[in-house]
Amino acid sequence: MKLLTLAISAYNMQEYLGKCLDSVTRPDIPDTLEVIIVNDGSKDKTSEIAHQYEKRFNSIVRVIDKENGHYGSCINKALEVATGKYFRPLDADDWMNTDALVSLLSLLENNDNDLIVTTHTNYLDNNRVNHIKIPDSIIVNKQYDLNTLDFQKEKIDCFLKMHTMTYKTSILKNMSLKLSTGISYTDSEYCMFPLDKANSVIFYDLDLYQYNLSREGQTMQQSIITKSVKPFYLISMKMIDYFIKNYDRNNCVVRSNQRCFMRLVIYFFFRAALIFSEGTEDTKKMLSSLMNQIAQNKELKDDILSLRYRKVPFVYIWYKFKIRILYYFPKFLLY
């Protein structure tokens, strides 16, 4: 029986894929692991490398070649064929702590929680490393009820992200989870959408995910984020729509937890649109459309307008006065 499916989205990752796959195919890794590599129409040797590993580790590794559709389409394709009890993404330029992966697979043998949370390490430029720890407010190896666990109150709202979250596969399949295709940053959808379908969560002090933030062109680099107005807009609209449609069926704690994921994506949109964009007509239309969508729900509206970045209320200023910060505030103070 497969206990865990790792979905690896790979586009032109020949330089990084070997390290990623080495971390999940070490000889002591049991065949309760399933690794699905989705080659997203790569033009380099990504597919060739993936198939080499599939041939060597055919009890664990499976390769799917498809036309380019970006990150979300790869996760969708992997989820369709996943057989593991649990499911999580792994980017091809990142890797797993193999010791932690072996330990997690052992723990999953007697686990039935809906959500598994582990820790991760960020690898930054100039050889800087940042180990992310579980907040002290959380007791590890303890089961929590997601209907009562308040992420903000327990100070875990900034800790929870794709790199730390592993969902039960049946939850994702039963809700027919489909991430947006053709754009980046859809990992936020993976985090938020299943949240109101899950009931239990457990935290393990395992430094599982190794997150490479130093690669040139990595989507979380400032230069890339500030040019991604439309992707952030589309994902924000989809998340807001989901939140509003399911508002009445979720209690205040679940809604607050959902907003933790929404807030970050919406913030990135406003930051890119109000501070760094050129203020085109398309950007103005997206700003107006998003705010109209937010205004449909008072709880969401009040939350978004409280956004701050280094005490600069740029969203509020635009909402009240339609003034973009780009020409009125030094950019270097916003980093």
Protein backbone atom coordinates (compact mmCIF):
# COMPACT_ATOMS: atom_id res chain seq x y z
CA MET A 1 0.00 0.00 0.00
CA LYS A 2 1.29 3.44 -0.92
CA LEU A 3 1.23 5.78 2.06
CA LEU A 4 2.45 8.99 0.44
CA THR A 5 2.38 10.40 -3.07
CA LEU A 6 4.87 13.12 -3.97
CA ALA A 7 3.78 15.12 -7.02
CA ILE A 8 6.78 16.68 -8.77
CA SER A 9 6.07 19.38 -11.34
CA ALA A 10 9.03 19.74 -13.67
CA TYR A 11 9.62 22.21 -16.50
CA ASN A 12 13.16 22.58 -17.87
CA MET A 13 14.63 21.32 -14.60
CA GLN A 14 17.52 19.19 -15.91
CA GLU A 15 19.94 21.05 -13.65
CA TYR A 16 17.99 20.37 -10.46
CA LEU A 17 15.86 17.26 -10.96
CA GLY A 18 18.62 14.76 -10.15
CA LYS A 19 19.20 16.20 -6.69
CA CYS A 20 15.45 16.26 -6.06
CA LEU A 21 14.99 12.62 -7.10
CA ASP A 22 18.10 11.41 -5.26
CA SER A 23 16.50 12.68 -2.06
CA VAL A 24 13.40 10.51 -2.54
CA THR A 25 14.96 7.32 -3.94
CA ARG A 26 17.63 6.46 -1.37
CA PRO A 27 17.81 2.67 -0.85
CA ASP A 28 16.34 2.79 2.66
CA ILE A 29 13.15 4.52 1.48
CA PRO A 30 10.33 1.94 1.56
CA ASP A 31 8.12 1.30 -1.45
CA THR A 32 5.20 2.77 0.49
CA LEU A 33 6.31 5.99 -1.23
CA GLU A 34 4.97 6.95 -4.64
CA VAL A 35 6.76 9.61 -6.70
CA ILE A 36 4.90 11.00 -9.72
CA ILE A 37 7.02 13.23 -11.94
CA VAL A 38 4.94 15.35 -14.31
CA ASN A 39 7.11 16.66 -17.13
CA ASP A 40 5.38 19.88 -18.15
CA GLY A 41 6.44 20.02 -21.78
CA SER A 42 10.14 20.58 -21.01
CA LYS A 43 12.47 21.43 -23.87
CA ASP A 44 15.65 20.21 -22.16
CA LYS A 45 16.59 16.77 -20.77
CA THR A 46 14.09 16.83 -17.90
CA SER A 47 12.00 13.99 -19.36
CA GLU A 48 15.07 11.88 -20.14
CA ILE A 49 16.35 12.23 -16.57
CA ALA A 50 12.91 11.46 -15.13
CA HIS A 51 12.58 8.28 -17.19
CA GLN A 52 16.05 7.13 -16.12
CA TYR A 53 14.92 7.28 -12.49
CA GLU A 54 11.64 5.58 -13.37
CA LYS A 55 13.60 2.70 -14.90
CA ARG A 56 15.90 2.39 -11.89
CA PHE A 57 13.19 2.79 -9.24
CA ASN A 58 10.08 1.43 -10.97
CA SER A 59 8.41 0.43 -7.69
CA ILE A 60 8.40 4.07 -6.56
CA VAL A 61 8.82 6.44 -9.53
CA ARG A 62 6.32 7.09 -12.30
CA VAL A 63 6.67 9.66 -15.11
CA ILE A 64 3.93 11.50 -16.97
CA ASP A 65 4.83 13.59 -20.02
CA LYS A 66 2.37 16.26 -21.08
CA GLU A 67 2.10 19.59 -22.86
CA ASN A 68 3.00 22.71 -20.93
CA GLY A 69 0.25 23.93 -18.62
CA HIS A 70 2.18 25.33 -15.65
CA TYR A 71 2.30 24.19 -12.04
CA GLY A 72 -1.40 23.69 -11.32
CA SER A 73 -1.94 21.41 -14.30
CA CYS A 74 0.90 19.17 -13.12
CA ILE A 75 -0.53 18.80 -9.62
CA ASN A 76 -3.96 18.10 -11.12
CA LYS A 77 -2.55 15.38 -13.37
CA ALA A 78 -0.63 13.75 -10.52
CA LEU A 79 -3.66 13.81 -8.23
CA GLU A 80 -5.76 12.03 -10.88
CA VAL A 81 -3.52 8.95 -10.72
CA ALA A 82 -2.20 9.19 -7.14
CA THR A 83 -2.60 6.02 -5.07
CA GLY A 84 -0.95 7.14 -1.83
CA LYS A 85 -3.05 7.60 1.30
CA TYR A 86 -1.51 11.09 1.59
CA PHE A 87 -0.52 13.58 -1.09
CA ARG A 88 1.77 16.57 -1.32
CA PRO A 89 3.62 18.58 -4.00
CA LEU A 90 7.40 18.77 -4.31
CA ASP A 91 8.92 21.27 -6.73
CA ALA A 92 11.64 19.88 -8.99
CA ASP A 93 14.19 22.49 -7.90
CA ASP A 94 13.63 21.62 -4.22
CA TRP A 95 14.33 18.38 -2.39
CA MET A 96 13.40 16.36 0.67
CA ASN A 97 15.40 15.69 3.81
CA THR A 98 15.62 11.94 3.22
CA ASP A 99 15.94 11.02 6.90
CA ALA A 100 12.83 13.04 7.68
CA LEU A 101 11.00 11.41 4.75
CA VAL A 102 11.81 7.91 6.04
CA SER A 103 10.58 8.92 9.50
CA LEU A 104 7.37 10.40 8.08
CA LEU A 105 6.59 7.24 6.10
CA SER A 106 6.96 5.26 9.31
CA LEU A 107 4.61 7.60 11.18
CA LEU A 108 2.02 7.43 8.39
CA GLU A 109 1.64 3.68 8.91
CA ASN A 110 -0.53 4.37 11.96
CA ASN A 111 -1.91 7.77 11.06
CA ASP A 112 -5.40 8.78 10.01
CA ASN A 113 -5.32 12.56 10.42
CA ASP A 114 -6.65 14.63 7.53
CA LEU A 115 -3.69 17.01 7.48
CA ILE A 116 -0.05 16.37 8.36
CA VAL A 117 2.18 19.37 9.10
CA THR A 118 5.98 19.19 9.10
CA THR A 119 8.74 21.81 9.07
CA HIS A 120 11.01 23.06 6.29
CA THR A 121 14.28 24.82 5.59
CA ASN A 122 14.78 27.79 3.26
CA TYR A 123 17.97 27.95 1.20
CA LEU A 124 18.63 31.59 0.32
CA ASP A 125 21.23 33.35 -1.80
CA ASN A 126 24.81 33.81 -0.55
CA ASN A 127 24.62 30.35 1.08
CA ARG A 128 22.23 31.54 3.78
CA VAL A 129 20.03 28.90 5.40
CA ASN A 130 16.90 29.50 7.46
CA HIS A 131 15.44 26.59 9.45
CA ILE A 132 11.71 27.11 10.02
CA LYS A 133 10.49 25.69 13.32
CA ILE A 134 7.03 24.81 14.57
CA PRO A 135 5.82 27.68 16.80
CA ASP A 136 6.10 27.08 20.54
CA SER A 137 2.33 27.40 20.90
CA ILE A 138 1.89 24.01 19.19
CA ILE A 139 2.40 20.64 20.88
CA VAL A 140 4.01 18.23 18.43
CA ASN A 141 2.60 14.72 17.94
CA LYS A 142 -0.76 15.91 19.24
CA GLN A 143 -3.96 15.74 17.22
CA TYR A 144 -5.83 19.04 16.86
CA ASP A 145 -9.36 19.76 15.70
CA LEU A 146 -9.26 22.03 12.64
CA ASN A 147 -12.71 23.37 13.51
CA THR A 148 -11.34 24.91 16.70
CA LEU A 149 -7.63 25.45 16.04
CA ASP A 150 -7.22 29.18 15.35
CA PHE A 151 -4.12 29.69 13.19
CA GLN A 152 -3.67 33.34 14.11
CA LYS A 153 -4.25 32.84 17.82
CA GLU A 154 -1.71 30.01 17.90
CA LYS A 155 0.68 32.03 15.73
CA ILE A 156 0.93 29.43 12.99
CA ASP A 157 -0.72 31.46 10.22
CA CYS A 158 2.65 32.38 8.67
CA PHE A 159 4.08 28.90 9.24
CA LEU A 160 1.50 26.95 7.25
CA LYS A 161 2.19 26.78 3.52
CA MET A 162 2.59 24.21 0.76
CA HIS A 163 6.04 23.25 2.04
CA THR A 164 4.63 22.17 5.39
CA MET A 165 1.23 20.68 4.45
CA THR A 166 0.39 17.11 3.44
CA TYR A 167 -3.31 16.30 2.91
CA LYS A 168 -5.11 12.99 2.91
CA THR A 169 -5.56 12.09 -0.75
CA SER A 170 -9.20 11.05 -0.36
CA ILE A 171 -10.12 14.57 0.77
CA LEU A 172 -8.56 16.10 -2.34
CA LYS A 173 -10.19 13.58 -4.66
CA ASN A 174 -13.61 13.69 -3.02
CA MET A 175 -13.76 17.46 -3.43
CA SER A 176 -12.44 17.16 -7.01
CA LEU A 177 -9.64 19.60 -6.26
CA LYS A 178 -8.49 21.39 -9.39
CA LEU A 179 -5.79 24.02 -9.22
CA SER A 180 -5.77 26.87 -11.71
CA THR A 181 -3.79 26.13 -14.86
CA GLY A 182 -1.62 28.33 -17.06
CA ILE A 183 -0.36 30.49 -14.17
CA SER A 184 2.02 30.29 -11.21
CA TYR A 185 1.41 30.64 -7.44
CA THR A 186 -1.44 28.09 -7.38
CA ASP A 187 0.08 26.31 -4.37
CA SER A 188 -2.03 28.70 -2.27
CA GLU A 189 -5.12 27.01 -3.70
CA TYR A 190 -3.74 23.63 -2.62
CA CYS A 191 -3.38 24.97 0.92
CA MET A 192 -6.74 26.73 1.26
CA PHE A 193 -9.40 24.84 -0.69
CA PRO A 194 -9.23 21.50 1.19
CA LEU A 195 -9.02 23.20 4.58
CA ASP A 196 -12.76 23.23 5.25
CA LYS A 197 -13.01 19.57 4.25
CA ALA A 198 -10.40 18.44 6.78
CA ASN A 199 -11.20 17.89 10.45
CA SER A 200 -7.96 16.84 12.12
CA VAL A 201 -4.32 17.87 11.96
CA ILE A 202 -1.13 16.68 13.60
CA PHE A 203 2.26 18.42 13.72
CA TYR A 204 5.53 16.50 13.42
CA ASP A 205 8.91 18.03 14.18
CA LEU A 206 10.42 16.72 10.95
CA ASP A 207 12.50 19.04 8.76
CA LEU A 208 11.03 17.51 5.61
CA TYR A 209 10.92 20.08 2.80
CA GLN A 210 14.10 21.77 1.58
CA TYR A 211 13.07 24.95 -0.22
CA ASN A 212 15.48 26.42 -2.78
CA LEU A 213 14.93 30.17 -2.94
CA SER A 214 18.31 30.95 -4.50
CA ARG A 215 17.61 29.81 -8.08
CA GLU A 216 17.49 32.60 -10.65
CA GLY A 217 13.91 32.89 -11.94
CA GLN A 218 12.40 31.29 -8.83
CA THR A 219 8.78 32.50 -8.62
CA MET A 220 9.15 33.97 -5.12
CA GLN A 221 11.97 36.30 -6.13
CA GLN A 222 11.01 39.95 -5.82
CA SER A 223 11.58 40.68 -9.51
CA ILE A 224 9.13 37.92 -10.50
CA ILE A 225 6.46 38.68 -7.89
CA THR A 226 6.21 42.33 -8.84
CA LYS A 227 5.48 41.41 -12.48
CA SER A 228 2.77 38.88 -11.60
CA VAL A 229 -0.27 41.13 -11.23
CA LYS A 230 -2.61 38.99 -13.34
CA PRO A 231 -1.79 35.57 -11.76
CA PHE A 232 -2.29 36.99 -8.28
CA TYR A 233 -5.54 38.60 -9.44
CA LEU A 234 -6.94 35.39 -10.91
CA ILE A 235 -6.03 33.29 -7.86
CA SER A 236 -7.38 35.95 -5.49
CA MET A 237 -10.71 36.03 -7.32
CA LYS A 238 -10.99 32.24 -7.23
CA MET A 239 -10.20 32.09 -3.51
CA ILE A 240 -12.65 34.88 -2.68
CA ASP A 241 -15.36 33.16 -4.70
CA TYR A 242 -14.76 29.90 -2.82
CA PHE A 243 -14.78 31.70 0.54
CA ILE A 244 -18.08 33.48 -0.14
CA LYS A 245 -19.84 30.43 -1.58
CA ASN A 246 -18.93 28.33 1.45
CA TYR A 247 -19.28 31.10 4.04
CA ASP A 248 -22.43 29.86 5.75
CA ARG A 249 -21.27 26.25 6.12
CA ASN A 250 -18.01 27.14 7.89
CA ASN A 251 -17.62 28.39 11.44
CA CYS A 252 -15.70 31.55 12.33
CA VAL A 253 -12.46 29.68 13.10
CA VAL A 254 -12.38 27.88 9.76
CA ARG A 255 -13.15 31.13 7.92
CA SER A 256 -10.38 32.91 9.80
CA ASN A 257 -7.96 30.14 8.86
CA GLN A 258 -8.99 30.34 5.22
CA ARG A 259 -8.34 34.07 5.24
CA CYS A 260 -4.76 33.43 6.37
CA PHE A 261 -4.02 31.93 2.96
CA MET A 262 -6.18 34.40 1.05
CA ARG A 263 -4.62 37.38 2.75
CA LEU A 264 -1.12 36.61 1.50
CA VAL A 265 -2.17 36.15 -2.14
CA ILE A 266 -4.40 39.23 -2.13
CA TYR A 267 -1.66 41.23 -0.47
CA PHE A 268 0.83 40.24 -3.19
CA PHE A 269 -1.69 41.32 -5.82
CA PHE A 270 -2.27 44.72 -4.25
CA ARG A 271 1.44 45.21 -3.67
CA ALA A 272 2.28 44.43 -7.30
CA ALA A 273 -0.66 46.46 -8.66
CA LEU A 274 -0.42 49.52 -6.41
CA ILE A 275 3.29 49.87 -5.89
CA PHE A 276 5.23 48.28 -8.72
CA SER A 277 2.97 48.16 -11.77
CA GLU A 278 2.73 50.83 -14.45
CA GLY A 279 -0.90 51.57 -13.65
CA THR A 280 -2.34 50.36 -16.95
CA GLU A 281 -6.06 50.28 -17.69
CA ASP A 282 -6.04 46.51 -17.27
CA THR A 283 -4.50 46.87 -13.82
CA LYS A 284 -7.10 49.47 -12.84
CA LYS A 285 -9.89 47.14 -13.97
CA MET A 286 -8.43 44.27 -11.95
CA LEU A 287 -8.16 46.49 -8.87
CA SER A 288 -11.76 47.59 -9.19
CA SER A 289 -13.04 44.09 -9.90
CA LEU A 290 -11.19 42.54 -6.96
CA MET A 291 -12.33 45.17 -4.50
CA ASN A 292 -15.94 44.76 -5.67
CA GLN A 293 -15.61 41.03 -5.04
CA ILE A 294 -14.12 41.62 -1.58
CA ALA A 295 -16.88 44.12 -0.74
CA GLN A 296 -19.50 41.36 -1.05
CA ASN A 297 -18.42 40.05 2.36
CA LYS A 298 -17.95 42.44 5.30
CA GLU A 299 -15.74 40.02 7.23
CA LEU A 300 -13.39 39.69 4.29
CA LYS A 301 -13.47 43.40 3.47
CA ASP A 302 -12.55 44.42 7.02
CA ASP A 303 -9.74 41.87 7.04
CA ILE A 304 -8.18 42.92 3.73
CA LEU A 305 -8.31 46.63 4.54
CA SER A 306 -6.32 45.95 7.68
CA LEU A 307 -3.35 44.77 5.62
CA ARG A 308 -0.09 46.44 6.53
CA TYR A 309 3.47 46.11 5.32
CA ARG A 310 5.98 47.85 7.55
CA LYS A 311 3.08 49.96 8.77
CA VAL A 312 2.32 51.28 5.28
CA PRO A 313 -1.46 50.98 4.70
CA PHE A 314 -1.21 51.17 0.91
CA VAL A 315 -4.38 49.14 0.31
CA TYR A 316 -6.42 51.42 2.56
CA ILE A 317 -4.96 54.54 0.96
CA TRP A 318 -5.91 53.33 -2.50
CA TYR A 319 -9.37 52.21 -1.39
CA LYS A 320 -10.17 55.55 0.25
CA PHE A 321 -8.39 58.02 -2.02
CA LYS A 322 -7.51 56.04 -5.19
CA ILE A 323 -3.89 57.08 -4.74
CA ARG A 324 -1.23 54.60 -5.84
CA ILE A 325 1.85 54.50 -3.61
CA LEU A 326 4.20 54.14 -6.58
CA TYR A 327 4.72 57.88 -6.93
CA TYR A 328 4.32 58.83 -3.30
CA PHE A 329 6.46 56.42 -1.32
CA PRO A 330 10.08 55.32 -1.72
CA LYS A 331 10.10 51.74 -2.96
CA PHE A 332 13.16 50.72 -0.97
CA LEU A 333 11.18 51.17 2.27
CA LEU A 334 8.74 48.50 1.12
CA TYR A 335 11.24 45.67 0.90
